[in-house]
Amino acid sequence: MNSKLLAAIVVVIVIISAVGAAYVLLPASDEPTDITIAYSEKVNYESLMVANDEGLFDAQGLNVTAKIVTGGIQAAEALITGSTDLAAMGDAPAVQLITKGTGAKIVGRFIGGPGMHRFIAYDDIVEPSDLEGMKVGVQQSSSTHGAFLQWCEANDVNVDNISFVFMNPLDIPIAMSTRQIDAMAGSEPWAVNTENLCGDDVYELGNSSELGSTFPIVLVASQKALEDKAEGIEKVLKALELADQFIIENWDEAMIDCANHTGLSIGDQSNCSGVQFYQVGFNATDVQSMTMTAMVLLEFGKISEMPVIMDHVDLSYLPED
């Protein structure tokens, strides 16, 4: 091999080495992490609406696709079918989901509130037991459905004597106004919309505040997301933590954000949201609350076996602080 050819080969090797080294030193790609979240644009999901509107997902390097549903049970269904990575839902849909053996896990709670479920009835229904023989509208398998069953049990109401009308919660206020149903069980805005539409003909017969549960609203990840998008899940939970902090510190602005999605007046939004706490985490109280819900769901045949809640929880994605 002549000296000129050898020199040329050396130069090429040096250039390739230099390019390779430069490539290694380049910063990681700034491309955002794609992740899909199924949730409802209603009270109980303020953290998600605020995180979206205030750019908190973007700030975490996320490209979030919001899959908007009408309730937690639809969010659970989206997770089961693989059309979303994460799903936000209340305790009853979450319990029913984790008993299906899909590998989905709860990765955190971001909102809760003992009194978030309300039971509105016509004013000729005086006592809880007066619901027996009446028609009650509720979204089937929802967190409110579970809460209402607990409330009936606590108030010695025989649910076998109630005619349940399972319906889209959007339709509940109209059904009440025409007395197609005699009472409704719902979270917000379904309860306040019913009161606003029906006026003095209806009133709050009861609510979930005395049942000993905080009714956590949780984020559930599919098994595939747990395996493939761990960093994305961490970023989502961090964004929700920042959203909760924003709600607490900038209440009026946050209520405007949420009202734009829920359709409530800002005053009604503030009143409905005010019964909740805003904190990312998952603790013994959450476990106890979900266990209580699971016991009621099992008693009424909504699930076939009692789950050990912590077997279906992975807290490794929660913000360290």
C-alpha atoms as a PDB file:
ATOM      1  CA  MET A   1       0.000   0.000   0.000  1.00  0.00           C
ATOM      2  CA  ASN A   2       1.550   3.341  -1.025  1.00  0.00           C
ATOM      3  CA  SER A   3       1.920   6.198   1.427  1.00  0.00           C
ATOM      4  CA  LYS A   4      -0.729   8.420  -0.242  1.00  0.00           C
ATOM      5  CA  LEU A   5      -3.403   5.720  -0.022  1.00  0.00           C
ATOM      6  CA  LEU A   6      -2.497   4.999   3.585  1.00  0.00           C
ATOM      7  CA  ALA A   7      -2.726   8.669   4.464  1.00  0.00           C
ATOM      8  CA  ALA A   8      -6.126   8.925   2.812  1.00  0.00           C
ATOM      9  CA  ILE A   9      -7.416   5.947   4.795  1.00  0.00           C
ATOM     10  CA  VAL A  10      -6.143   7.487   8.031  1.00  0.00           C
ATOM     11  CA  VAL A  11      -7.890  10.775   7.232  1.00  0.00           C
ATOM     12  CA  VAL A  12     -11.196   8.963   6.547  1.00  0.00           C
ATOM     13  CA  ILE A  13     -10.914   7.037   9.819  1.00  0.00           C
ATOM     14  CA  VAL A  14     -10.222  10.229  11.745  1.00  0.00           C
ATOM     15  CA  ILE A  15     -13.216  11.976  10.127  1.00  0.00           C
ATOM     16  CA  ILE A  16     -15.545   9.037  10.877  1.00  0.00           C
ATOM     17  CA  SER A  17     -14.322   8.935  14.479  1.00  0.00           C
ATOM     18  CA  ALA A  18     -14.814  12.670  14.873  1.00  0.00           C
ATOM     19  CA  VAL A  19     -18.327  12.536  13.434  1.00  0.00           C
ATOM     20  CA  GLY A  20     -19.186   9.621  15.699  1.00  0.00           C
ATOM     21  CA  ALA A  21     -17.896  11.457  18.746  1.00  0.00           C
ATOM     22  CA  ALA A  22     -19.821  14.579  17.796  1.00  0.00           C
ATOM     23  CA  TYR A  23     -22.997  12.505  17.392  1.00  0.00           C
ATOM     24  CA  VAL A  24     -22.550  11.039  20.862  1.00  0.00           C
ATOM     25  CA  LEU A  25     -22.145  14.530  22.318  1.00  0.00           C
ATOM     26  CA  LEU A  26     -25.318  15.855  20.666  1.00  0.00           C
ATOM     27  CA  PRO A  27     -28.151  16.527  23.128  1.00  0.00           C
ATOM     28  CA  ALA A  28     -31.035  14.056  23.272  1.00  0.00           C
ATOM     29  CA  SER A  29     -33.879  14.633  20.851  1.00  0.00           C
ATOM     30  CA  ASP A  30     -36.216  17.443  21.822  1.00  0.00           C
ATOM     31  CA  GLU A  31     -39.153  15.619  20.281  1.00  0.00           C
ATOM     32  CA  PRO A  32     -42.054  15.534  22.773  1.00  0.00           C
ATOM     33  CA  THR A  33     -43.319  12.259  24.188  1.00  0.00           C
ATOM     34  CA  ASP A  34     -46.644  11.248  22.643  1.00  0.00           C
ATOM     35  CA  ILE A  35     -49.198  10.017  25.135  1.00  0.00           C
ATOM     36  CA  THR A  36     -52.983   9.644  25.070  1.00  0.00           C
ATOM     37  CA  ILE A  37     -55.134  10.274  28.147  1.00  0.00           C
ATOM     38  CA  ALA A  38     -58.834   9.430  28.411  1.00  0.00           C
ATOM     39  CA  TYR A  39     -60.773  11.650  30.799  1.00  0.00           C
ATOM     40  CA  SER A  40     -64.013  13.565  31.240  1.00  0.00           C
ATOM     41  CA  GLU A  41     -64.389  17.310  30.922  1.00  0.00           C
ATOM     42  CA  LYS A  42     -66.397  17.613  34.122  1.00  0.00           C
ATOM     43  CA  VAL A  43     -65.922  18.357  37.785  1.00  0.00           C
ATOM     44  CA  ASN A  44     -63.523  15.805  39.375  1.00  0.00           C
ATOM     45  CA  TYR A  45     -61.067  16.177  36.476  1.00  0.00           C
ATOM     46  CA  GLU A  46     -59.969  19.790  36.971  1.00  0.00           C
ATOM     47  CA  SER A  47     -56.279  18.877  37.148  1.00  0.00           C
ATOM     48  CA  LEU A  48     -56.301  17.515  33.608  1.00  0.00           C
ATOM     49  CA  MET A  49     -58.190  20.457  32.146  1.00  0.00           C
ATOM     50  CA  VAL A  50     -55.903  22.963  33.853  1.00  0.00           C
ATOM     51  CA  ALA A  51     -52.745  21.066  32.872  1.00  0.00           C
ATOM     52  CA  ASN A  52     -53.870  21.237  29.252  1.00  0.00           C
ATOM     53  CA  ASP A  53     -55.030  24.859  29.251  1.00  0.00           C
ATOM     54  CA  GLU A  54     -52.043  26.222  31.168  1.00  0.00           C
ATOM     55  CA  GLY A  55     -49.487  24.418  29.007  1.00  0.00           C
ATOM     56  CA  LEU A  56     -48.213  22.238  31.835  1.00  0.00           C
ATOM     57  CA  PHE A  57     -48.148  19.092  29.709  1.00  0.00           C
ATOM     58  CA  ASP A  58     -46.199  20.943  27.016  1.00  0.00           C
ATOM     59  CA  ALA A  59     -43.755  22.244  29.607  1.00  0.00           C
ATOM     60  CA  GLN A  60     -42.974  18.660  30.619  1.00  0.00           C
ATOM     61  CA  GLY A  61     -42.132  17.736  27.031  1.00  0.00           C
ATOM     62  CA  LEU A  62     -45.382  15.907  26.395  1.00  0.00           C
ATOM     63  CA  ASN A  63     -47.582  15.796  23.344  1.00  0.00           C
ATOM     64  CA  VAL A  64     -50.858  14.858  24.998  1.00  0.00           C
ATOM     65  CA  THR A  65     -53.835  13.677  22.997  1.00  0.00           C
ATOM     66  CA  ALA A  66     -56.973  14.084  25.090  1.00  0.00           C
ATOM     67  CA  LYS A  67     -59.567  11.377  24.551  1.00  0.00           C
ATOM     68  CA  ILE A  68     -62.685  12.996  25.981  1.00  0.00           C
ATOM     69  CA  VAL A  69     -65.333  10.650  27.414  1.00  0.00           C
ATOM     70  CA  THR A  70     -68.499  11.151  29.454  1.00  0.00           C
ATOM     71  CA  GLY A  71     -67.393   9.272  32.559  1.00  0.00           C
ATOM     72  CA  GLY A  72     -64.771   7.128  34.219  1.00  0.00           C
ATOM     73  CA  ILE A  73     -66.341   3.887  33.017  1.00  0.00           C
ATOM     74  CA  GLN A  74     -65.835   5.014  29.389  1.00  0.00           C
ATOM     75  CA  ALA A  75     -62.244   5.921  30.220  1.00  0.00           C
ATOM     76  CA  ALA A  76     -61.764   2.409  31.596  1.00  0.00           C
ATOM     77  CA  GLU A  77     -63.228   0.925  28.429  1.00  0.00           C
ATOM     78  CA  ALA A  78     -60.823   3.005  26.325  1.00  0.00           C
ATOM     79  CA  LEU A  79     -57.908   1.597  28.318  1.00  0.00           C
ATOM     80  CA  ILE A  80     -59.131  -1.975  27.910  1.00  0.00           C
ATOM     81  CA  THR A  81     -59.517  -1.592  24.138  1.00  0.00           C
ATOM     82  CA  GLY A  82     -56.030  -0.114  23.800  1.00  0.00           C
ATOM     83  CA  SER A  83     -57.205   3.230  22.436  1.00  0.00           C
ATOM     84  CA  THR A  84     -55.482   5.189  25.219  1.00  0.00           C
ATOM     85  CA  ASP A  85     -52.306   4.960  27.279  1.00  0.00           C
ATOM     86  CA  LEU A  86     -53.711   6.451  30.467  1.00  0.00           C
ATOM     87  CA  ALA A  87     -57.226   6.834  31.812  1.00  0.00           C
ATOM     88  CA  ALA A  88     -58.584   8.968  34.648  1.00  0.00           C
ATOM     89  CA  MET A  89     -61.528   7.628  36.631  1.00  0.00           C
ATOM     90  CA  GLY A  90     -63.174   7.355  40.004  1.00  0.00           C
ATOM     91  CA  ASP A  91     -62.863   4.513  42.475  1.00  0.00           C
ATOM     92  CA  ALA A  92     -65.682   2.256  41.234  1.00  0.00           C
ATOM     93  CA  PRO A  93     -64.600   2.120  37.565  1.00  0.00           C
ATOM     94  CA  ALA A  94     -60.999   1.649  38.733  1.00  0.00           C
ATOM     95  CA  VAL A  95     -61.915  -1.287  40.968  1.00  0.00           C
ATOM     96  CA  GLN A  96     -63.891  -2.914  38.172  1.00  0.00           C
ATOM     97  CA  LEU A  97     -61.012  -2.363  35.753  1.00  0.00           C
ATOM     98  CA  ILE A  98     -58.273  -3.867  37.911  1.00  0.00           C
ATOM     99  CA  THR A  99     -60.323  -7.034  38.473  1.00  0.00           C
ATOM    100  CA  LYS A 100     -60.350  -7.759  34.735  1.00  0.00           C
ATOM    101  CA  GLY A 101     -56.721  -8.945  34.678  1.00  0.00           C
ATOM    102  CA  THR A 102     -55.515  -6.633  31.901  1.00  0.00           C
ATOM    103  CA  GLY A 103     -52.282  -5.691  33.681  1.00  0.00           C
ATOM    104  CA  ALA A 104     -53.421  -2.072  34.070  1.00  0.00           C
ATOM    105  CA  LYS A 105     -52.267  -0.370  37.262  1.00  0.00           C
ATOM    106  CA  ILE A 106     -53.175   2.698  39.266  1.00  0.00           C
ATOM    107  CA  VAL A 107     -50.217   5.089  39.187  1.00  0.00           C
ATOM    108  CA  GLY A 108     -51.589   7.846  41.393  1.00  0.00           C
ATOM    109  CA  ARG A 109     -54.493   9.869  42.728  1.00  0.00           C
ATOM    110  CA  PHE A 110     -54.812  13.546  41.813  1.00  0.00           C
ATOM    111  CA  ILE A 111     -58.188  14.654  43.252  1.00  0.00           C
ATOM    112  CA  GLY A 112     -60.569  13.433  45.932  1.00  0.00           C
ATOM    113  CA  GLY A 113     -63.488  14.593  48.019  1.00  0.00           C
ATOM    114  CA  PRO A 114     -65.887  12.882  50.434  1.00  0.00           C
ATOM    115  CA  GLY A 115     -68.933  14.835  49.255  1.00  0.00           C
ATOM    116  CA  MET A 116     -68.467  14.768  45.495  1.00  0.00           C
ATOM    117  CA  HIS A 117     -71.497  12.513  44.855  1.00  0.00           C
ATOM    118  CA  ARG A 118     -74.956  14.008  45.361  1.00  0.00           C
ATOM    119  CA  PHE A 119     -78.452  12.533  45.343  1.00  0.00           C
ATOM    120  CA  ILE A 120     -81.201  14.873  44.121  1.00  0.00           C
ATOM    121  CA  ALA A 121     -84.874  13.977  44.538  1.00  0.00           C
ATOM    122  CA  TYR A 122     -88.314  15.476  44.080  1.00  0.00           C
ATOM    123  CA  ASP A 123     -89.545  17.255  47.191  1.00  0.00           C
ATOM    124  CA  ASP A 124     -92.245  14.662  47.881  1.00  0.00           C
ATOM    125  CA  ILE A 125     -89.473  12.166  48.622  1.00  0.00           C
ATOM    126  CA  VAL A 126     -88.687  12.963  52.251  1.00  0.00           C
ATOM    127  CA  GLU A 127     -86.676  10.059  53.631  1.00  0.00           C
ATOM    128  CA  PRO A 128     -84.053   7.853  51.938  1.00  0.00           C
ATOM    129  CA  SER A 129     -86.426   4.892  52.318  1.00  0.00           C
ATOM    130  CA  ASP A 130     -88.980   6.782  50.212  1.00  0.00           C
ATOM    131  CA  LEU A 131     -86.801   5.942  47.202  1.00  0.00           C
ATOM    132  CA  GLU A 132     -88.075   2.382  47.373  1.00  0.00           C
ATOM    133  CA  GLY A 133     -90.601   1.966  44.594  1.00  0.00           C
ATOM    134  CA  MET A 134     -89.165   4.992  42.786  1.00  0.00           C
ATOM    135  CA  LYS A 135     -87.088   5.401  39.625  1.00  0.00           C
ATOM    136  CA  VAL A 136     -83.514   6.613  40.148  1.00  0.00           C
ATOM    137  CA  GLY A 137     -81.323   7.759  37.271  1.00  0.00           C
ATOM    138  CA  VAL A 138     -77.606   7.064  37.430  1.00  0.00           C
ATOM    139  CA  GLN A 139     -74.704   6.266  35.116  1.00  0.00           C
ATOM    140  CA  GLN A 140     -74.176   2.512  35.391  1.00  0.00           C
ATOM    141  CA  SER A 141     -70.904   1.300  36.933  1.00  0.00           C
ATOM    142  CA  SER A 142     -69.787   4.860  37.620  1.00  0.00           C
ATOM    143  CA  SER A 143     -68.120   6.032  40.808  1.00  0.00           C
ATOM    144  CA  THR A 144     -71.448   7.657  41.735  1.00  0.00           C
ATOM    145  CA  HIS A 145     -73.230   4.330  41.218  1.00  0.00           C
ATOM    146  CA  GLY A 146     -70.897   2.762  43.768  1.00  0.00           C
ATOM    147  CA  ALA A 147     -71.327   5.694  46.162  1.00  0.00           C
ATOM    148  CA  PHE A 148     -75.112   5.542  45.891  1.00  0.00           C
ATOM    149  CA  LEU A 149     -75.100   1.831  46.735  1.00  0.00           C
ATOM    150  CA  GLN A 150     -72.978   2.599  49.802  1.00  0.00           C
ATOM    151  CA  TRP A 151     -75.319   5.429  50.808  1.00  0.00           C
ATOM    152  CA  CYS A 152     -78.385   3.202  50.444  1.00  0.00           C
ATOM    153  CA  GLU A 153     -76.771   0.545  52.589  1.00  0.00           C
ATOM    154  CA  ALA A 154     -75.870   3.124  55.243  1.00  0.00           C
ATOM    155  CA  ASN A 155     -79.445   4.437  55.255  1.00  0.00           C
ATOM    156  CA  ASP A 156     -81.214   1.043  55.290  1.00  0.00           C
ATOM    157  CA  VAL A 157     -82.608   1.463  51.800  1.00  0.00           C
ATOM    158  CA  ASN A 158     -83.361  -1.808  50.012  1.00  0.00           C
ATOM    159  CA  VAL A 159     -81.945  -1.240  46.523  1.00  0.00           C
ATOM    160  CA  ASP A 160     -83.833  -4.285  45.246  1.00  0.00           C
ATOM    161  CA  ASN A 161     -86.942  -2.153  45.569  1.00  0.00           C
ATOM    162  CA  ILE A 162     -85.513   0.715  43.520  1.00  0.00           C
ATOM    163  CA  SER A 163     -86.031   0.874  39.762  1.00  0.00           C
ATOM    164  CA  PHE A 164     -82.635   1.957  38.452  1.00  0.00           C
ATOM    165  CA  VAL A 165     -82.646   3.818  35.150  1.00  0.00           C
ATOM    166  CA  PHE A 166     -79.143   3.566  33.751  1.00  0.00           C
ATOM    167  CA  MET A 167     -78.492   6.477  31.448  1.00  0.00           C
ATOM    168  CA  ASN A 168     -76.009   8.894  29.953  1.00  0.00           C
ATOM    169  CA  PRO A 169     -75.460  11.498  32.694  1.00  0.00           C
ATOM    170  CA  LEU A 170     -75.925  14.259  30.126  1.00  0.00           C
ATOM    171  CA  ASP A 171     -79.580  13.198  29.887  1.00  0.00           C
ATOM    172  CA  ILE A 172     -80.289  13.061  33.610  1.00  0.00           C
ATOM    173  CA  PRO A 173     -81.363  16.706  34.148  1.00  0.00           C
ATOM    174  CA  ILE A 174     -83.926  16.536  31.323  1.00  0.00           C
ATOM    175  CA  ALA A 175     -85.237  13.203  32.588  1.00  0.00           C
ATOM    176  CA  MET A 176     -85.678  14.741  36.036  1.00  0.00           C
ATOM    177  CA  SER A 177     -87.401  17.859  34.695  1.00  0.00           C
ATOM    178  CA  THR A 178     -90.071  15.731  32.989  1.00  0.00           C
ATOM    179  CA  ARG A 179     -90.171  13.311  35.943  1.00  0.00           C
ATOM    180  CA  GLN A 180     -89.246  10.319  33.859  1.00  0.00           C
ATOM    181  CA  ILE A 181     -87.151   9.604  36.946  1.00  0.00           C
ATOM    182  CA  ASP A 182     -87.963  10.528  40.550  1.00  0.00           C
ATOM    183  CA  ALA A 183     -84.412  11.017  41.757  1.00  0.00           C
ATOM    184  CA  MET A 184     -80.879  11.078  40.426  1.00  0.00           C
ATOM    185  CA  ALA A 185     -77.441  10.167  41.683  1.00  0.00           C
ATOM    186  CA  GLY A 186     -74.584  12.082  40.152  1.00  0.00           C
ATOM    187  CA  SER A 187     -71.356  13.931  40.610  1.00  0.00           C
ATOM    188  CA  GLU A 188     -70.963  17.375  39.112  1.00  0.00           C
ATOM    189  CA  PRO A 189     -72.063  19.003  36.905  1.00  0.00           C
ATOM    190  CA  TRP A 190     -74.974  16.541  36.616  1.00  0.00           C
ATOM    191  CA  ALA A 191     -76.359  17.277  40.095  1.00  0.00           C
ATOM    192  CA  VAL A 192     -76.173  21.064  39.902  1.00  0.00           C
ATOM    193  CA  ASN A 193     -77.519  21.025  36.331  1.00  0.00           C
ATOM    194  CA  THR A 194     -80.514  19.069  37.639  1.00  0.00           C
ATOM    195  CA  GLU A 195     -81.096  21.597  40.413  1.00  0.00           C
ATOM    196  CA  ASN A 196     -80.774  24.530  38.010  1.00  0.00           C
ATOM    197  CA  LEU A 197     -83.230  23.012  35.546  1.00  0.00           C
ATOM    198  CA  CYS A 198     -85.814  21.733  38.012  1.00  0.00           C
ATOM    199  CA  GLY A 199     -85.707  24.581  40.525  1.00  0.00           C
ATOM    200  CA  ASP A 200     -87.670  24.309  43.739  1.00  0.00           C
ATOM    201  CA  ASP A 201     -89.296  21.023  42.708  1.00  0.00           C
ATOM    202  CA  VAL A 202     -86.129  19.135  43.704  1.00  0.00           C
ATOM    203  CA  TYR A 203     -83.600  19.205  46.526  1.00  0.00           C
ATOM    204  CA  GLU A 204     -80.562  17.338  47.799  1.00  0.00           C
ATOM    205  CA  LEU A 205     -81.821  14.259  49.627  1.00  0.00           C
ATOM    206  CA  GLY A 206     -78.294  13.199  50.563  1.00  0.00           C
ATOM    207  CA  ASN A 207     -74.670  13.021  49.505  1.00  0.00           C
ATOM    208  CA  SER A 208     -71.592  10.876  49.951  1.00  0.00           C
ATOM    209  CA  SER A 209     -69.850  12.997  52.590  1.00  0.00           C
ATOM    210  CA  GLU A 210     -70.676  10.768  55.564  1.00  0.00           C
ATOM    211  CA  LEU A 211     -69.656   7.421  54.072  1.00  0.00           C
ATOM    212  CA  GLY A 212     -66.055   7.449  55.313  1.00  0.00           C
ATOM    213  CA  SER A 213     -64.506   7.525  51.845  1.00  0.00           C
ATOM    214  CA  THR A 214     -62.550  10.231  50.047  1.00  0.00           C
ATOM    215  CA  PHE A 215     -63.592   8.835  46.635  1.00  0.00           C
ATOM    216  CA  PRO A 216     -60.175   9.236  44.990  1.00  0.00           C
ATOM    217  CA  ILE A 217     -59.956  10.132  41.318  1.00  0.00           C
ATOM    218  CA  VAL A 218     -57.065   8.068  39.993  1.00  0.00           C
ATOM    219  CA  LEU A 219     -54.881   7.758  36.927  1.00  0.00           C
ATOM    220  CA  VAL A 220     -54.599   4.234  35.529  1.00  0.00           C
ATOM    221  CA  ALA A 221     -51.969   3.113  33.014  1.00  0.00           C
ATOM    222  CA  SER A 222     -52.281   0.235  30.575  1.00  0.00           C
ATOM    223  CA  GLN A 223     -49.749  -2.570  30.776  1.00  0.00           C
ATOM    224  CA  LYS A 224     -48.310  -1.484  27.421  1.00  0.00           C
ATOM    225  CA  ALA A 225     -47.860   2.094  28.621  1.00  0.00           C
ATOM    226  CA  LEU A 226     -46.191   0.851  31.807  1.00  0.00           C
ATOM    227  CA  GLU A 227     -43.715  -1.062  29.663  1.00  0.00           C
ATOM    228  CA  ASP A 228     -43.168   1.444  26.846  1.00  0.00           C
ATOM    229  CA  LYS A 229     -43.881   4.923  28.208  1.00  0.00           C
ATOM    230  CA  ALA A 230     -42.570   4.994  31.769  1.00  0.00           C
ATOM    231  CA  GLU A 231     -40.975   8.416  31.366  1.00  0.00           C
ATOM    232  CA  GLY A 232     -44.150   9.783  29.823  1.00  0.00           C
ATOM    233  CA  ILE A 233     -46.212   8.562  32.788  1.00  0.00           C
ATOM    234  CA  GLU A 234     -43.816  10.281  35.189  1.00  0.00           C
ATOM    235  CA  LYS A 235     -44.128  13.523  33.233  1.00  0.00           C
ATOM    236  CA  VAL A 236     -47.929  13.345  33.209  1.00  0.00           C
ATOM    237  CA  LEU A 237     -48.022  12.931  36.987  1.00  0.00           C
ATOM    238  CA  LYS A 238     -45.596  15.826  37.413  1.00  0.00           C
ATOM    239  CA  ALA A 239     -47.806  18.003  35.204  1.00  0.00           C
ATOM    240  CA  LEU A 240     -50.844  17.033  37.296  1.00  0.00           C
ATOM    241  CA  GLU A 241     -48.959  17.898  40.473  1.00  0.00           C
ATOM    242  CA  LEU A 242     -48.203  21.333  39.038  1.00  0.00           C
ATOM    243  CA  ALA A 243     -51.827  21.666  37.913  1.00  0.00           C
ATOM    244  CA  ASP A 244     -53.076  20.913  41.437  1.00  0.00           C
ATOM    245  CA  GLN A 245     -50.693  23.539  42.775  1.00  0.00           C
ATOM    246  CA  PHE A 246     -51.931  26.021  40.165  1.00  0.00           C
ATOM    247  CA  ILE A 247     -55.564  25.353  41.133  1.00  0.00           C
ATOM    248  CA  ILE A 248     -54.835  25.989  44.801  1.00  0.00           C
ATOM    249  CA  GLU A 249     -52.801  29.148  44.181  1.00  0.00           C
ATOM    250  CA  ASN A 250     -54.796  30.584  41.253  1.00  0.00           C
ATOM    251  CA  TRP A 251     -58.324  29.462  42.075  1.00  0.00           C
ATOM    252  CA  ASP A 252     -60.270  32.030  40.068  1.00  0.00           C
ATOM    253  CA  GLU A 253     -58.191  31.562  36.931  1.00  0.00           C
ATOM    254  CA  ALA A 254     -58.403  27.787  37.246  1.00  0.00           C
ATOM    255  CA  MET A 255     -62.181  27.956  37.618  1.00  0.00           C
ATOM    256  CA  ILE A 256     -62.420  29.959  34.397  1.00  0.00           C
ATOM    257  CA  ASP A 257     -60.333  27.302  32.633  1.00  0.00           C
ATOM    258  CA  CYS A 258     -62.581  24.525  33.909  1.00  0.00           C
ATOM    259  CA  ALA A 259     -65.880  26.313  33.290  1.00  0.00           C
ATOM    260  CA  ASN A 260     -64.883  26.708  29.653  1.00  0.00           C
ATOM    261  CA  HIS A 261     -64.903  22.902  29.413  1.00  0.00           C
ATOM    262  CA  THR A 262     -67.707  21.868  31.739  1.00  0.00           C
ATOM    263  CA  GLY A 263     -70.235  24.458  30.581  1.00  0.00           C
ATOM    264  CA  LEU A 264     -70.958  25.550  34.151  1.00  0.00           C
ATOM    265  CA  SER A 265     -71.095  29.162  35.242  1.00  0.00           C
ATOM    266  CA  ILE A 266     -67.911  30.232  36.972  1.00  0.00           C
ATOM    267  CA  GLY A 267     -69.833  30.475  40.251  1.00  0.00           C
ATOM    268  CA  ASP A 268     -71.249  26.961  39.961  1.00  0.00           C
ATOM    269  CA  GLN A 269     -67.853  25.650  38.877  1.00  0.00           C
ATOM    270  CA  SER A 270     -66.218  27.166  41.936  1.00  0.00           C
ATOM    271  CA  ASN A 271     -68.874  25.793  44.290  1.00  0.00           C
ATOM    272  CA  CYS A 272     -68.680  22.290  42.799  1.00  0.00           C
ATOM    273  CA  SER A 273     -64.886  22.206  42.718  1.00  0.00           C
ATOM    274  CA  GLY A 274     -64.640  23.585  46.227  1.00  0.00           C
ATOM    275  CA  VAL A 275     -65.688  20.333  47.893  1.00  0.00           C
ATOM    276  CA  GLN A 276     -62.575  18.539  46.639  1.00  0.00           C
ATOM    277  CA  PHE A 277     -58.894  18.391  47.577  1.00  0.00           C
ATOM    278  CA  TYR A 278     -56.148  18.643  44.983  1.00  0.00           C
ATOM    279  CA  GLN A 279     -53.043  16.558  45.587  1.00  0.00           C
ATOM    280  CA  VAL A 280     -51.076  13.992  43.623  1.00  0.00           C
ATOM    281  CA  GLY A 281     -50.223  10.882  45.605  1.00  0.00           C
ATOM    282  CA  PHE A 282     -51.698   7.622  46.860  1.00  0.00           C
ATOM    283  CA  ASN A 283     -51.896   6.667  50.508  1.00  0.00           C
ATOM    284  CA  ALA A 284     -53.563   4.412  53.043  1.00  0.00           C
ATOM    285  CA  THR A 285     -56.748   6.495  52.966  1.00  0.00           C
ATOM    286  CA  ASP A 286     -57.028   5.917  49.226  1.00  0.00           C
ATOM    287  CA  VAL A 287     -56.544   2.189  49.719  1.00  0.00           C
ATOM    288  CA  GLN A 288     -59.192   2.124  52.440  1.00  0.00           C
ATOM    289  CA  SER A 289     -61.637   4.123  50.297  1.00  0.00           C
ATOM    290  CA  MET A 290     -61.175   1.871  47.292  1.00  0.00           C
ATOM    291  CA  THR A 291     -61.441  -1.244  49.452  1.00  0.00           C
ATOM    292  CA  MET A 292     -64.759   0.006  50.839  1.00  0.00           C
ATOM    293  CA  THR A 293     -66.016   0.557  47.307  1.00  0.00           C
ATOM    294  CA  ALA A 294     -64.812  -2.892  46.253  1.00  0.00           C
ATOM    295  CA  MET A 295     -66.683  -4.523  49.158  1.00  0.00           C
ATOM    296  CA  VAL A 296     -69.934  -2.862  48.104  1.00  0.00           C
ATOM    297  CA  LEU A 297     -69.399  -3.726  44.432  1.00  0.00           C
ATOM    298  CA  LEU A 298     -68.770  -7.339  45.423  1.00  0.00           C
ATOM    299  CA  GLU A 299     -71.880  -7.429  47.617  1.00  0.00           C
ATOM    300  CA  PHE A 300     -74.058  -6.167  44.781  1.00  0.00           C
ATOM    301  CA  GLY A 301     -72.491  -8.453  42.170  1.00  0.00           C
ATOM    302  CA  LYS A 302     -70.645  -5.779  40.211  1.00  0.00           C
ATOM    303  CA  ILE A 303     -67.345  -7.660  40.585  1.00  0.00           C
ATOM    304  CA  SER A 304     -66.782 -11.385  41.053  1.00  0.00           C
ATOM    305  CA  GLU A 305     -63.920 -11.300  43.548  1.00  0.00           C
ATOM    306  CA  MET A 306     -62.430  -8.970  46.118  1.00  0.00           C
ATOM    307  CA  PRO A 307     -59.185  -7.402  44.848  1.00  0.00           C
ATOM    308  CA  VAL A 308     -56.154  -6.581  46.967  1.00  0.00           C
ATOM    309  CA  ILE A 309     -55.891  -2.937  45.898  1.00  0.00           C
ATOM    310  CA  MET A 310     -52.123  -2.553  46.330  1.00  0.00           C
ATOM    311  CA  ASP A 311     -51.516  -5.525  44.025  1.00  0.00           C
ATOM    312  CA  HIS A 312     -52.802  -3.252  41.278  1.00  0.00           C
ATOM    313  CA  VAL A 313     -50.919  -0.075  42.191  1.00  0.00           C
ATOM    314  CA  ASP A 314     -47.466   1.102  41.059  1.00  0.00           C
ATOM    315  CA  LEU A 315     -46.294   4.257  42.814  1.00  0.00           C
ATOM    316  CA  SER A 316     -42.846   4.351  41.237  1.00  0.00           C
ATOM    317  CA  TYR A 317     -44.011   6.987  38.726  1.00  0.00           C
ATOM    318  CA  LEU A 318     -45.064   9.559  41.322  1.00  0.00           C
ATOM    319  CA  PRO A 319     -42.999  12.764  41.590  1.00  0.00           C
ATOM    320  CA  GLU A 320     -40.252  12.274  44.149  1.00  0.00           C
ATOM    321  CA  ASP A 321     -41.024  15.498  45.959  1.00  0.00           C
END
